[in-house]
């Protein structure tokens, strides 16, 4: 056995300051004879010999590292073999998978304890005021039960009338689920129902109730001890944006001499912002800061493309600018970036606190739990559909993604089973019992869990736009009650046990159909077992001194799908 991660059990100082020292611990079986730690200081590797102490049946090796740079990469040399965040290797390995000590300002402590509930405002809930609002010319009014047009000219134009006051009326449901933070997709005026094509960042869309409605929603959430996260596009605006039509702001976009302009993925309605512009940098700070009077942070749309165009690569610069603007007025605010693929190279830079972890959570989980008859045309943009992979491959995928960033960034990233941009988890996995396994892993693996509104009711959808269905508040018989009960129990379990929010992650077992892992702190050890299908028995250690927390079994079940969680005493 050999293990290290960035949790407090192995790195006691979770927020080291510059020009200090930090202890790191590696735990091994007693057969290990010697451990050194290689750290990189000012670009040069240096070695520290680790000292062992025995704890039960394990050796815990301690070394002290200098914290001289904002990010200190380190790895272990264990009896001549390298051990990094990618695992143990008997060959030379790249520095890219080194563990990382991060001395940049730490994210707010509340984020690791949060559970996010994502709302697409137009489809969540109406207030009585919706009927009195005049619609813009582009909008096509729809009854609440009108089917969503998933593809075609009407897709972005259907308006169902959901608004911010409607959300206030459903906060009891959200809180009963175990969520304490609401994330809204954009609320700015725009030319579509998704509102990622903002026409201004200086107002809340009147269709949602305007500025006063956002203030009411924020006040209602804060009165319950909950938080509110907004969504902003740093990569583009809508072609109706006031900046786009202001000659004095022309340099805020990539205009061509022939009158054309750069746009997100070539979509003309989404002109791309040019972060070389000093005027843009100054203008963007105002809405970032202004709305934090009501919001508790931002999710940044298309962060991976922000500042990148041709020979321009300003992404890291923009991330720091945005982060500092946010910290100046709200040092307790969340700032998470959207990346649909590996985000490691854009993190740990005093900018984004984490990412939407599609690469290290959503994608691996889908490949393990996908329905046998799933027929999606692509895999979140990758041609060929969703492949079927075993649990061992899934854990390797997760470890590979985690090795590209610090433990801090990994655990402050959002984990989701699906979002407004993807198929619904119920559609992907099919079997409601597999949904339970997926929700269980959402609640027990590292990261900040995010639930897309309606997943807890068993809603379906085969792609992003089709997944943006209205919430069936008036049709409770359509709710999948067992799924709702499971979400509540599993998210409640996460809230009740600090090890599920702050503990390390240590793999115990993985094969094609099962995975088992530990979440551990100095005070608590939790063993998680997930099975996608029936199969041979799996023997897990410590169950003779365990208390079942979820699932009810005394041993790992052979039948599946199944999900079990135990609290285990001692080592």
Protein backbone atom coordinates (compact mmCIF):
# COMPACT_ATOMS: atom_id res chain seq x y z
CA UNK A 1 0.00 0.00 0.00
CA UNK A 2 1.24 3.44 -0.91
CA UNK A 3 -0.85 6.60 -0.79
CA UNK A 4 -0.73 10.39 -0.70
CA UNK A 5 -3.24 13.07 -1.63
CA UNK A 6 -3.60 16.75 -0.85
CA UNK A 7 -6.09 16.36 2.00
CA UNK A 8 -5.33 17.54 5.52
CA UNK A 9 -4.47 14.00 6.56
CA UNK A 10 -1.43 14.14 4.28
CA UNK A 11 -0.85 17.91 4.01
CA UNK A 12 -1.81 19.39 7.40
CA UNK A 13 -1.40 23.02 6.30
CA UNK A 14 -4.11 23.43 3.66
CA UNK A 15 -3.28 27.10 3.03
CA UNK A 16 0.50 27.48 3.25
CA UNK A 17 1.90 30.99 3.03
CA UNK A 18 4.87 32.04 0.94
CA UNK A 19 8.33 31.71 2.50
CA UNK A 20 7.08 29.17 5.02
CA UNK A 21 7.49 25.41 5.26
CA UNK A 22 4.90 22.65 4.91
CA UNK A 23 4.94 19.03 6.04
CA UNK A 24 3.73 16.32 3.67
CA UNK A 25 3.03 12.68 4.58
CA UNK A 26 3.21 9.51 2.52
CA UNK A 27 1.67 6.33 3.92
CA UNK A 28 3.06 2.95 2.91
CA UNK A 29 3.18 -0.69 3.93
CA UNK A 30 5.99 -1.63 6.34
CA UNK A 31 8.12 -3.13 3.55
CA UNK A 32 9.21 0.28 2.21
CA UNK A 33 12.82 1.05 3.20
CA UNK A 34 13.45 4.63 2.04
CA UNK A 35 11.49 7.68 0.85
CA UNK A 36 12.72 11.00 -0.48
CA UNK A 37 10.61 13.94 -1.61
CA UNK A 38 11.58 15.85 -4.73
CA UNK A 39 10.27 19.42 -4.80
CA UNK A 40 10.92 22.14 -7.37
CA UNK A 41 12.04 25.54 -6.05
CA UNK A 42 12.71 28.40 -8.47
CA UNK A 43 12.66 25.84 -11.27
CA UNK A 44 15.32 23.57 -9.76
CA UNK A 45 14.59 20.15 -8.22
CA UNK A 46 15.77 19.47 -4.68
CA UNK A 47 15.44 16.44 -2.44
CA UNK A 48 14.43 16.00 1.19
CA UNK A 49 14.74 12.69 3.04
CA UNK A 50 11.50 11.58 4.67
CA UNK A 51 11.36 10.21 8.20
CA UNK A 52 9.07 7.26 9.00
CA UNK A 53 6.85 6.69 12.00
CA UNK A 54 4.74 3.60 12.52
CA UNK A 55 0.96 3.98 12.83
CA UNK A 56 -0.68 0.61 13.33
CA UNK A 57 0.18 -1.57 10.36
CA UNK A 58 1.40 1.34 8.22
CA UNK A 59 4.43 3.60 7.90
CA UNK A 60 3.79 7.32 7.64
CA UNK A 61 6.73 9.15 6.05
CA UNK A 62 7.07 12.86 6.81
CA UNK A 63 9.11 15.42 4.92
CA UNK A 64 9.25 19.21 5.22
CA UNK A 65 9.13 21.26 2.02
CA UNK A 66 9.97 24.93 1.44
CA UNK A 67 7.07 27.06 0.22
CA UNK A 68 9.09 29.56 -1.77
CA UNK A 69 6.98 29.84 -4.93
CA UNK A 70 3.21 30.31 -5.33
CA UNK A 71 3.02 26.70 -6.59
CA UNK A 72 5.52 24.07 -5.40
CA UNK A 73 5.47 20.82 -7.39
CA UNK A 74 6.58 17.69 -5.52
CA UNK A 75 6.71 13.92 -5.85
CA UNK A 76 8.04 10.99 -3.85
CA UNK A 77 10.94 8.64 -4.56
CA UNK A 78 9.97 5.33 -2.95
CA UNK A 79 12.72 2.71 -2.93
CA UNK A 80 13.92 4.04 -6.27
CA UNK A 81 10.50 4.38 -7.95
CA UNK A 82 8.61 7.60 -8.53
CA UNK A 83 5.23 8.19 -6.92
CA UNK A 84 3.28 11.22 -8.21
CA UNK A 85 -0.36 12.20 -8.49
CA UNK A 86 -0.55 9.77 -11.43
CA UNK A 87 0.51 6.87 -9.18
CA UNK A 88 3.57 4.66 -8.75
CA UNK A 89 5.89 4.31 -11.76
CA UNK A 90 8.97 2.24 -12.43
CA UNK A 91 10.15 4.68 -15.10
CA UNK A 92 10.96 8.38 -15.40
CA UNK A 93 7.81 10.53 -15.32
CA UNK A 94 6.83 14.00 -16.47
CA UNK A 95 6.72 16.87 -14.00
CA UNK A 96 3.16 17.54 -15.23
CA UNK A 97 1.73 14.98 -12.78
CA UNK A 98 3.58 16.18 -9.67
CA UNK A 99 1.54 16.94 -6.57
CA UNK A 100 1.23 20.69 -5.94
CA UNK A 101 1.42 22.88 -2.85
CA UNK A 102 -0.46 26.09 -3.64
CA UNK A 103 0.26 29.33 -1.77
CA UNK A 104 -2.08 31.58 -3.74
CA UNK A 105 -4.99 32.98 -1.69
CA UNK A 106 -7.17 30.04 -0.65
CA UNK A 107 -10.80 29.79 -1.83
CA UNK A 108 -13.46 30.53 0.79
CA UNK A 109 -13.90 27.69 3.27
CA UNK A 110 -17.65 27.33 2.61
CA UNK A 111 -17.19 26.08 -0.95
CA UNK A 112 -16.01 22.58 0.05
CA UNK A 113 -19.21 22.20 2.11
CA UNK A 114 -21.56 23.43 -0.62
CA UNK A 115 -24.05 21.51 -2.74
CA UNK A 116 -25.06 23.33 -5.92
CA UNK A 117 -28.51 23.28 -7.51
CA UNK A 118 -28.51 24.47 -11.13
CA UNK A 119 -31.54 26.33 -12.47
CA UNK A 120 -32.32 27.28 -16.06
CA UNK A 121 -34.66 30.14 -15.08
CA UNK A 122 -37.16 30.04 -17.95
CA UNK A 123 -38.00 26.37 -17.26
CA UNK A 124 -38.01 26.18 -13.46
CA UNK A 125 -41.04 27.97 -12.01
CA UNK A 126 -43.40 30.85 -12.81
CA UNK A 127 -44.70 33.55 -10.52
CA UNK A 128 -48.13 35.09 -11.17
CA UNK A 129 -46.41 38.17 -12.60
CA UNK A 130 -45.22 36.32 -15.70
CA UNK A 131 -48.61 36.72 -17.38
CA UNK A 132 -48.36 40.52 -17.24
CA UNK A 133 -45.01 40.79 -19.03
CA UNK A 134 -44.72 41.81 -22.66
CA UNK A 135 -42.55 39.48 -24.70
CA UNK A 136 -39.80 40.66 -27.06
CA UNK A 137 -40.33 40.10 -30.78
CA UNK A 138 -38.04 37.07 -30.93
CA UNK A 139 -39.90 35.13 -28.22
CA UNK A 140 -42.49 32.41 -28.86
CA UNK A 141 -44.76 31.98 -25.81
CA UNK A 142 -45.35 28.39 -24.68
CA UNK A 143 -47.62 26.71 -22.20
CA UNK A 144 -45.83 25.01 -19.31
CA UNK A 145 -46.53 21.57 -20.79
CA UNK A 146 -45.63 22.48 -24.38
CA UNK A 147 -42.87 20.10 -25.54
CA UNK A 148 -39.42 21.59 -25.80
CA UNK A 149 -38.17 21.87 -29.37
CA UNK A 150 -34.74 20.36 -28.94
CA UNK A 151 -33.47 21.24 -32.40
CA UNK A 152 -34.53 23.79 -34.96
CA UNK A 153 -35.39 27.44 -35.43
CA UNK A 154 -37.61 27.55 -32.32
CA UNK A 155 -35.07 26.06 -29.95
CA UNK A 156 -33.72 29.34 -28.60
CA UNK A 157 -37.00 31.23 -28.95
CA UNK A 158 -39.43 29.23 -26.81
CA UNK A 159 -40.33 31.15 -23.66
CA UNK A 160 -42.18 29.34 -20.87
CA UNK A 161 -42.30 32.19 -18.37
CA UNK A 162 -40.15 30.91 -15.55
CA UNK A 163 -38.82 33.80 -13.48
CA UNK A 164 -36.83 34.64 -10.35
CA UNK A 165 -39.84 35.10 -8.10
CA UNK A 166 -41.00 31.66 -9.19
CA UNK A 167 -37.76 30.24 -7.78
CA UNK A 168 -38.47 31.85 -4.41
CA UNK A 169 -41.64 29.81 -4.19
CA UNK A 170 -39.67 26.55 -4.57
CA UNK A 171 -36.80 27.12 -2.15
CA UNK A 172 -38.26 24.61 0.29
CA UNK A 173 -37.90 21.89 -2.33
CA UNK A 174 -34.31 22.87 -3.10
CA UNK A 175 -33.30 23.01 0.54
CA UNK A 176 -35.05 19.72 1.35
CA UNK A 177 -32.91 18.09 -1.32
CA UNK A 178 -29.79 19.03 0.63
CA UNK A 179 -28.68 21.85 -1.67
CA UNK A 180 -27.56 25.11 -0.12
CA UNK A 181 -26.38 27.07 -3.17
CA UNK A 182 -28.45 28.00 -6.23
CA UNK A 183 -26.64 28.50 -9.52
CA UNK A 184 -28.58 30.44 -12.16
CA UNK A 185 -27.72 30.28 -15.83
CA UNK A 186 -27.55 33.87 -17.17
CA UNK A 187 -30.13 36.40 -16.05
CA UNK A 188 -29.10 39.30 -18.30
CA UNK A 189 -31.37 40.57 -21.13
CA UNK A 190 -30.65 38.72 -24.35
CA UNK A 191 -32.04 37.54 -27.66
CA UNK A 192 -32.72 33.94 -26.64
CA UNK A 193 -34.11 31.84 -23.80
CA UNK A 194 -30.63 30.66 -22.74
CA UNK A 195 -29.35 34.25 -22.39
CA UNK A 196 -25.72 33.46 -23.18
CA UNK A 197 -26.09 36.17 -25.85
CA UNK A 198 -26.38 39.10 -23.42
CA UNK A 199 -27.37 42.53 -24.71
CA UNK A 200 -26.09 44.18 -21.54
CA UNK A 201 -24.44 43.16 -18.27
CA UNK A 202 -25.98 46.11 -16.44
CA UNK A 203 -29.52 44.83 -15.84
CA UNK A 204 -31.55 41.74 -15.04
CA UNK A 205 -33.87 40.64 -17.84
CA UNK A 206 -37.38 42.09 -17.27
CA UNK A 207 -38.75 38.69 -18.36
CA UNK A 208 -37.24 37.30 -15.16
CA UNK A 209 -38.57 40.15 -13.00
CA UNK A 210 -35.76 42.67 -13.38
CA UNK A 211 -33.19 43.87 -10.85
CA UNK A 212 -35.64 43.91 -7.96
CA UNK A 213 -36.48 40.22 -8.47
CA UNK A 214 -32.80 39.25 -8.25
CA UNK A 215 -32.54 41.19 -4.99
CA UNK A 216 -35.63 39.41 -3.64
CA UNK A 217 -34.29 36.01 -4.60
CA UNK A 218 -30.91 36.71 -3.03
CA UNK A 219 -32.54 37.97 0.17
CA UNK A 220 -34.78 34.90 0.36
CA UNK A 221 -31.83 32.54 -0.08
CA UNK A 222 -29.64 34.38 2.40
CA UNK A 223 -32.44 34.34 4.96
CA UNK A 224 -32.31 30.54 4.74
CA UNK A 225 -28.52 30.46 5.06
CA UNK A 226 -28.22 29.63 1.35
CA UNK A 227 -26.17 31.25 -1.42
CA UNK A 228 -26.65 32.41 -5.01
CA UNK A 229 -24.21 32.03 -7.94
CA UNK A 230 -24.52 33.89 -11.25
CA UNK A 231 -23.32 33.00 -14.75
CA UNK A 232 -21.32 35.39 -16.91
CA UNK A 233 -19.72 35.09 -20.34
CA UNK A 234 -16.14 36.36 -20.52
CA UNK A 235 -15.62 34.96 -24.02
CA UNK A 236 -18.43 36.65 -25.94
CA UNK A 237 -21.60 38.71 -25.79
CA UNK A 238 -24.68 38.74 -27.97
CA UNK A 239 -24.64 40.66 -31.24
CA UNK A 240 -27.28 42.89 -29.67
CA UNK A 241 -24.96 43.96 -26.86
CA UNK A 242 -24.59 47.68 -26.33
CA UNK A 243 -20.80 47.42 -26.62
CA UNK A 244 -21.03 45.72 -29.99
CA UNK A 245 -22.96 48.68 -31.42
CA UNK A 246 -20.87 51.42 -29.80
CA UNK A 247 -18.17 52.76 -32.16
CA UNK A 248 -16.13 53.79 -29.13
CA UNK A 249 -16.07 50.18 -27.93
CA UNK A 250 -15.12 48.64 -31.26
CA UNK A 251 -11.77 47.42 -29.94
CA UNK A 252 -13.58 45.20 -27.40
CA UNK A 253 -14.25 42.69 -30.20
CA UNK A 254 -12.23 41.06 -32.95
CA UNK A 255 -13.34 43.04 -35.99
CA UNK A 256 -11.95 42.33 -39.46
CA UNK A 257 -11.18 45.00 -42.10
CA UNK A 258 -13.91 43.57 -44.34
CA UNK A 259 -16.55 44.24 -41.71
CA UNK A 260 -16.66 40.72 -40.35
CA UNK A 261 -15.85 39.65 -36.81
CA UNK A 262 -14.77 36.63 -34.80
CA UNK A 263 -17.55 34.73 -33.04
CA UNK A 264 -17.85 31.77 -30.68
CA UNK A 265 -17.56 28.68 -32.87
CA UNK A 266 -18.48 30.89 -35.83
CA UNK A 267 -22.00 31.62 -34.50
CA UNK A 268 -22.71 35.20 -35.73
CA UNK A 269 -24.97 36.08 -32.80
CA UNK A 270 -22.08 35.54 -30.34
CA UNK A 271 -19.24 37.95 -31.19
CA UNK A 272 -15.99 37.19 -29.39
CA UNK A 273 -14.50 39.61 -26.86
CA UNK A 274 -10.95 40.90 -27.38
CA UNK A 275 -9.13 41.03 -24.05
CA UNK A 276 -6.29 43.04 -25.54
CA UNK A 277 -8.67 45.98 -25.10
CA UNK A 278 -7.96 48.15 -22.07
CA UNK A 279 -11.49 49.47 -22.34
CA UNK A 280 -12.93 45.97 -22.10
CA UNK A 281 -10.87 45.18 -19.03
CA UNK A 282 -12.11 48.29 -17.28
CA UNK A 283 -15.73 47.88 -18.40
CA UNK A 284 -15.98 44.23 -17.40
CA UNK A 285 -14.93 44.82 -13.81
CA UNK A 286 -18.07 46.85 -13.07
CA UNK A 287 -20.69 44.11 -13.62
CA UNK A 288 -18.42 41.50 -12.05
CA UNK A 289 -18.34 43.53 -8.86
CA UNK A 290 -21.73 45.24 -8.97
CA UNK A 291 -23.85 42.07 -8.94
CA UNK A 292 -21.88 40.66 -6.01
CA UNK A 293 -24.08 42.89 -3.87
CA UNK A 294 -26.59 40.06 -4.34
CA UNK A 295 -24.55 37.13 -5.64
CA UNK A 296 -22.07 34.95 -3.76
CA UNK A 297 -19.93 34.20 -6.78
CA UNK A 298 -19.77 33.53 -10.48
CA UNK A 299 -19.62 30.58 -12.84
CA UNK A 300 -17.66 31.72 -15.90
CA UNK A 301 -18.98 30.47 -19.22
CA UNK A 302 -16.53 29.25 -21.91
CA UNK A 303 -13.57 30.05 -19.69
CA UNK A 304 -11.40 27.70 -21.73
CA UNK A 305 -11.73 29.93 -24.84
CA UNK A 306 -11.67 33.28 -23.07
CA UNK A 307 -8.73 35.39 -24.26
CA UNK A 308 -7.66 32.80 -26.83
CA UNK A 309 -7.81 33.71 -30.50
CA UNK A 310 -5.14 32.98 -33.08
CA UNK A 311 -1.83 34.13 -31.64
CA UNK A 312 -3.51 35.69 -28.59
CA UNK A 313 -3.45 33.62 -25.41
CA UNK A 314 -4.59 35.85 -22.57
CA UNK A 315 -6.64 33.28 -20.65
CA UNK A 316 -4.43 33.16 -17.57
CA UNK A 317 -4.15 36.93 -17.48
CA UNK A 318 -7.94 37.29 -17.71
CA UNK A 319 -8.52 34.68 -15.00
CA UNK A 320 -6.30 36.63 -12.60
CA UNK A 321 -7.95 39.93 -13.53
CA UNK A 322 -11.42 38.48 -12.90
CA UNK A 323 -10.36 36.80 -9.65
CA UNK A 324 -8.81 39.94 -8.24
CA UNK A 325 -11.81 42.05 -9.20
CA UNK A 326 -14.07 39.59 -7.41
CA UNK A 327 -11.83 39.33 -4.32
CA UNK A 328 -11.57 43.11 -4.02
CA UNK A 329 -15.27 43.35 -3.16
CA UNK A 330 -16.13 39.81 -2.02
CA UNK A 331 -13.17 37.79 -0.75
CA UNK A 332 -15.71 35.13 0.28
CA UNK A 333 -17.04 34.66 -3.28
CA UNK A 334 -16.92 31.53 -5.45
CA UNK A 335 -15.33 31.66 -8.91
CA UNK A 336 -15.57 28.50 -11.01
CA UNK A 337 -14.73 28.15 -14.71
CA UNK A 338 -16.38 26.12 -17.45
CA UNK A 339 -14.09 23.68 -19.24
CA UNK A 340 -15.53 20.79 -21.21
CA UNK A 341 -12.16 19.01 -21.22
CA UNK A 342 -9.07 18.86 -19.00
CA UNK A 343 -8.61 22.19 -17.23
CA UNK A 344 -5.37 21.60 -15.33
CA UNK A 345 -3.22 24.00 -17.34
CA UNK A 346 -5.65 26.86 -16.60
CA UNK A 347 -5.82 26.32 -12.82
CA UNK A 348 -3.54 27.02 -9.83
CA UNK A 349 -2.72 30.44 -11.27
CA UNK A 350 -4.41 32.77 -8.75
CA UNK A 351 -7.44 32.84 -11.02
CA UNK A 352 -10.26 30.28 -11.25
CA UNK A 353 -10.78 28.33 -8.02
CA UNK A 354 -11.89 25.24 -9.91
CA UNK A 355 -13.67 24.03 -13.01
CA UNK A 356 -16.81 22.22 -14.07
CA UNK A 357 -15.23 18.79 -13.91
CA UNK A 358 -16.60 17.11 -17.02
CA UNK A 359 -13.24 15.48 -17.81
CA UNK A 360 -12.57 14.03 -14.39
CA UNK A 361 -16.07 13.16 -13.23
CA UNK A 362 -18.99 13.35 -15.69
CA UNK A 363 -17.33 11.63 -18.63
CA UNK A 364 -15.73 8.73 -16.69
CA UNK A 365 -18.94 8.08 -14.79
CA UNK A 366 -21.03 7.98 -17.96
CA UNK A 367 -18.74 5.38 -19.51
CA UNK A 368 -19.21 3.12 -16.50
CA UNK A 369 -22.93 3.52 -15.89
CA UNK A 370 -24.24 4.05 -19.42
CA UNK A 371 -27.29 2.03 -20.40
CA UNK A 372 -26.53 -0.98 -22.61
CA UNK A 373 -28.92 0.32 -25.28
CA UNK A 374 -27.79 3.98 -25.11
CA UNK A 375 -27.71 5.42 -28.63
CA UNK A 376 -26.39 8.97 -28.29
CA UNK A 377 -24.66 10.15 -31.49
CA UNK A 378 -21.66 11.55 -29.64
CA UNK A 379 -19.98 11.59 -26.25
CA UNK A 380 -20.22 15.21 -25.10
CA UNK A 381 -18.91 16.29 -28.48
CA UNK A 382 -16.61 13.33 -29.13
CA UNK A 383 -17.78 11.33 -32.20
CA UNK A 384 -18.93 7.77 -31.85
CA UNK A 385 -21.23 7.66 -28.86
CA UNK A 386 -20.51 6.94 -25.20
CA UNK A 387 -18.07 4.01 -24.84
CA UNK A 388 -18.62 1.32 -22.22
CA UNK A 389 -15.73 0.96 -19.76
CA UNK A 390 -15.08 -0.88 -16.53
CA UNK A 391 -14.83 0.56 -13.06
CA UNK A 392 -11.06 0.14 -13.06
CA UNK A 393 -10.79 2.26 -16.23
CA UNK A 394 -13.09 4.87 -14.71
CA UNK A 395 -10.90 5.26 -11.63
CA UNK A 396 -7.80 5.54 -13.83
CA UNK A 397 -9.56 8.24 -15.86
CA UNK A 398 -10.41 10.19 -12.73
CA UNK A 399 -6.88 9.87 -11.39
CA UNK A 400 -5.41 10.99 -14.70
CA UNK A 401 -7.54 14.13 -14.71
CA UNK A 402 -6.81 14.87 -11.03
CA UNK A 403 -3.07 14.55 -11.64
CA UNK A 404 -3.20 17.61 -13.87
CA UNK A 405 -4.12 20.02 -11.07
CA UNK A 406 -3.69 20.57 -7.35
CA UNK A 407 -5.87 18.82 -4.78
CA UNK A 408 -7.19 22.29 -3.94
CA UNK A 409 -8.42 22.89 -7.49
CA UNK A 410 -9.76 19.33 -7.79
CA UNK A 411 -11.84 19.55 -4.63
CA UNK A 412 -13.15 23.04 -5.44
CA UNK A 413 -14.34 21.93 -8.89
CA UNK A 414 -17.98 21.14 -9.55
CA UNK A 415 -18.99 17.55 -10.17
CA UNK A 416 -22.18 16.92 -12.15
CA UNK A 417 -24.05 13.95 -13.57
CA UNK A 418 -25.39 16.26 -16.27
CA UNK A 419 -26.08 19.94 -16.91
CA UNK A 420 -28.19 22.17 -19.13
CA UNK A 421 -25.65 21.48 -21.90
CA UNK A 422 -25.80 17.67 -21.77
CA UNK A 423 -28.19 14.72 -21.88
CA UNK A 424 -29.94 13.97 -18.59
CA UNK A 425 -28.38 11.34 -16.35
CA UNK A 426 -31.60 9.29 -16.40
CA UNK A 427 -31.34 9.08 -20.19
CA UNK A 428 -27.66 8.15 -20.07
CA UNK A 429 -27.90 5.34 -17.49
CA UNK A 430 -31.50 4.24 -18.04
CA UNK A 431 -32.09 2.12 -14.95
CA UNK A 432 -33.21 4.17 -11.90
CA UNK A 433 -31.02 1.91 -9.74
CA UNK A 434 -28.03 3.04 -11.78
CA UNK A 435 -29.16 6.62 -11.18
CA UNK A 436 -28.85 5.81 -7.47
CA UNK A 437 -25.27 4.64 -8.00
CA UNK A 438 -24.48 7.79 -9.97
CA UNK A 439 -26.03 10.03 -7.31
CA UNK A 440 -24.14 8.11 -4.64
CA UNK A 441 -20.83 8.78 -6.33
CA UNK A 442 -21.82 12.42 -6.80
CA UNK A 443 -22.32 12.66 -3.03
CA UNK A 444 -19.19 10.75 -1.97
CA UNK A 445 -16.35 11.53 -4.39
CA UNK A 446 -14.23 14.69 -3.98
CA UNK A 447 -15.57 17.91 -5.45
CA UNK A 448 -18.55 20.22 -5.09
CA UNK A 449 -21.66 18.31 -6.25
CA UNK A 450 -24.02 20.07 -8.63
CA UNK A 451 -27.54 18.83 -9.38
CA UNK A 452 -29.31 20.05 -12.53
CA UNK A 453 -32.89 20.87 -11.54
CA UNK A 454 -35.15 17.97 -12.43
CA UNK A 455 -32.57 15.18 -12.22
CA UNK A 456 -33.88 14.44 -8.74
CA UNK A 457 -37.33 13.85 -10.26
CA UNK A 458 -36.09 11.53 -13.00
CA UNK A 459 -36.47 13.93 -15.93
CA UNK A 460 -35.02 12.78 -19.25
CA UNK A 461 -33.42 14.43 -22.27
CA UNK A 462 -31.08 13.18 -25.00
CA UNK A 463 -29.11 16.40 -25.55
CA UNK A 464 -28.67 19.79 -23.94
CA UNK A 465 -31.60 21.72 -25.36
CA UNK A 466 -33.98 18.78 -24.99
CA UNK A 467 -32.87 18.44 -21.37
CA UNK A 468 -34.06 21.98 -20.60
CA UNK A 469 -37.57 20.81 -19.80
CA UNK A 470 -39.99 22.53 -17.50
CA UNK A 471 -40.23 21.29 -13.93
CA UNK A 472 -43.47 19.27 -13.52
CA UNK A 473 -44.56 20.89 -10.27
CA UNK A 474 -48.25 20.36 -11.08
CA UNK A 475 -47.76 16.72 -12.07
CA UNK A 476 -46.40 15.00 -8.99
CA UNK A 477 -47.48 11.53 -10.21
CA UNK A 478 -44.81 11.88 -12.91
CA UNK A 479 -42.04 12.31 -10.33
CA UNK A 480 -39.84 9.29 -9.76
CA UNK A 481 -40.27 9.23 -5.98
CA UNK A 482 -37.55 6.66 -5.22
CA UNK A 483 -35.00 8.82 -7.07
CA UNK A 484 -36.05 11.92 -5.13
CA UNK A 485 -35.75 10.06 -1.83
CA UNK A 486 -32.31 8.75 -2.79
CA UNK A 487 -31.00 12.19 -3.73
CA UNK A 488 -32.21 13.58 -0.41
CA UNK A 489 -30.65 10.76 1.58
CA UNK A 490 -27.32 10.82 -0.27
CA UNK A 491 -26.85 14.59 -0.23
CA UNK A 492 -27.89 14.55 3.44
CA UNK A 493 -25.23 11.91 4.07
CA UNK A 494 -22.60 14.16 2.53
CA UNK A 495 -23.69 17.06 4.69
CA UNK A 496 -23.64 14.92 7.85
CA UNK A 497 -20.12 13.51 7.40
CA UNK A 498 -17.10 15.84 7.09
CA UNK A 499 -14.99 13.05 5.58
CA UNK A 500 -17.20 13.14 2.48
CA UNK A 501 -16.48 16.85 2.05
CA UNK A 502 -12.93 17.20 3.34
CA UNK A 503 -11.45 13.71 3.45
CA UNK A 504 -8.78 12.22 1.24
CA UNK A 505 -9.55 9.68 -1.47
CA UNK A 506 -7.91 6.23 -1.40
CA UNK A 507 -8.90 3.46 -3.79
CA UNK A 508 -9.61 0.09 -2.16
CA UNK A 509 -10.90 -1.99 -5.09
CA UNK A 510 -11.86 -1.62 -8.74
CA UNK A 511 -12.92 -4.14 -11.36
CA UNK A 512 -15.25 -4.04 -14.33
CA UNK A 513 -18.46 -3.83 -12.32
CA UNK A 514 -17.42 -2.51 -8.89
CA UNK A 515 -15.44 0.26 -7.27
CA UNK A 516 -14.71 0.79 -3.58
CA UNK A 517 -12.81 3.66 -2.00
CA UNK A 518 -12.08 5.36 1.30
CA UNK A 519 -12.78 8.95 2.32
CA UNK A 520 -10.66 9.67 5.39
CA UNK A 521 -9.89 12.38 7.88
CA UNK A 522 -8.08 12.12 11.20
CA UNK A 523 -11.47 11.73 12.90
CA UNK A 524 -13.46 9.61 10.44
CA UNK A 525 -13.03 6.77 7.95
CA UNK A 526 -15.79 6.09 5.43
CA UNK A 527 -15.82 3.18 2.99
CA UNK A 528 -17.89 3.54 -0.19
CA UNK A 529 -18.91 0.63 -2.41
CA UNK A 530 -20.57 1.00 -5.83
CA UNK A 531 -21.69 -1.80 -8.13
CA UNK A 532 -23.20 -1.32 -11.60
CA UNK A 533 -24.27 -4.95 -12.11
CA UNK A 534 -24.42 -8.27 -10.29
CA UNK A 535 -21.16 -10.15 -10.09
CA UNK A 536 -18.69 -12.09 -7.93
CA UNK A 537 -18.43 -11.18 -4.23
CA UNK A 538 -15.93 -8.50 -3.21
CA UNK A 539 -14.24 -8.78 0.19
CA UNK A 540 -13.73 -5.41 1.84
CA UNK A 541 -11.63 -4.80 4.96
CA UNK A 542 -12.98 -3.41 8.21
CA UNK A 543 -16.65 -4.30 7.79
CA UNK A 544 -16.57 -6.35 10.99
CA UNK A 545 -16.21 -3.04 12.87
CA UNK A 546 -18.35 -0.91 10.57
CA UNK A 547 -21.70 0.86 10.82
CA UNK A 548 -23.75 1.07 7.65
CA UNK A 549 -24.64 4.66 6.73
CA UNK A 550 -26.46 4.01 3.45
CA UNK A 551 -27.81 0.93 1.72
CA UNK A 552 -28.36 -1.27 4.79
CA UNK A 553 -25.93 -4.11 3.98
CA UNK A 554 -23.39 -5.59 6.41
CA UNK A 555 -21.17 -6.79 3.56
CA UNK A 556 -20.58 -5.77 -0.04
CA UNK A 557 -23.57 -7.10 -2.01
CA UNK A 558 -23.14 -9.32 -5.06
CA UNK A 559 -26.41 -8.16 -6.60
CA UNK A 560 -26.44 -4.94 -8.54
CA UNK A 561 -26.81 -2.15 -9.22
CA UNK A 562 -26.03 -1.34 -5.58
CA UNK A 563 -24.59 1.46 -3.50
CA UNK A 564 -23.40 1.14 0.11
CA UNK A 565 -21.59 3.39 2.56
CA UNK A 566 -20.05 2.41 5.93
CA UNK A 567 -18.31 4.24 8.74
CA UNK A 568 -15.36 2.12 9.87
CA UNK A 569 -13.66 2.35 13.26
CA UNK A 570 -9.87 2.11 13.62
CA UNK A 571 -7.21 1.28 11.05
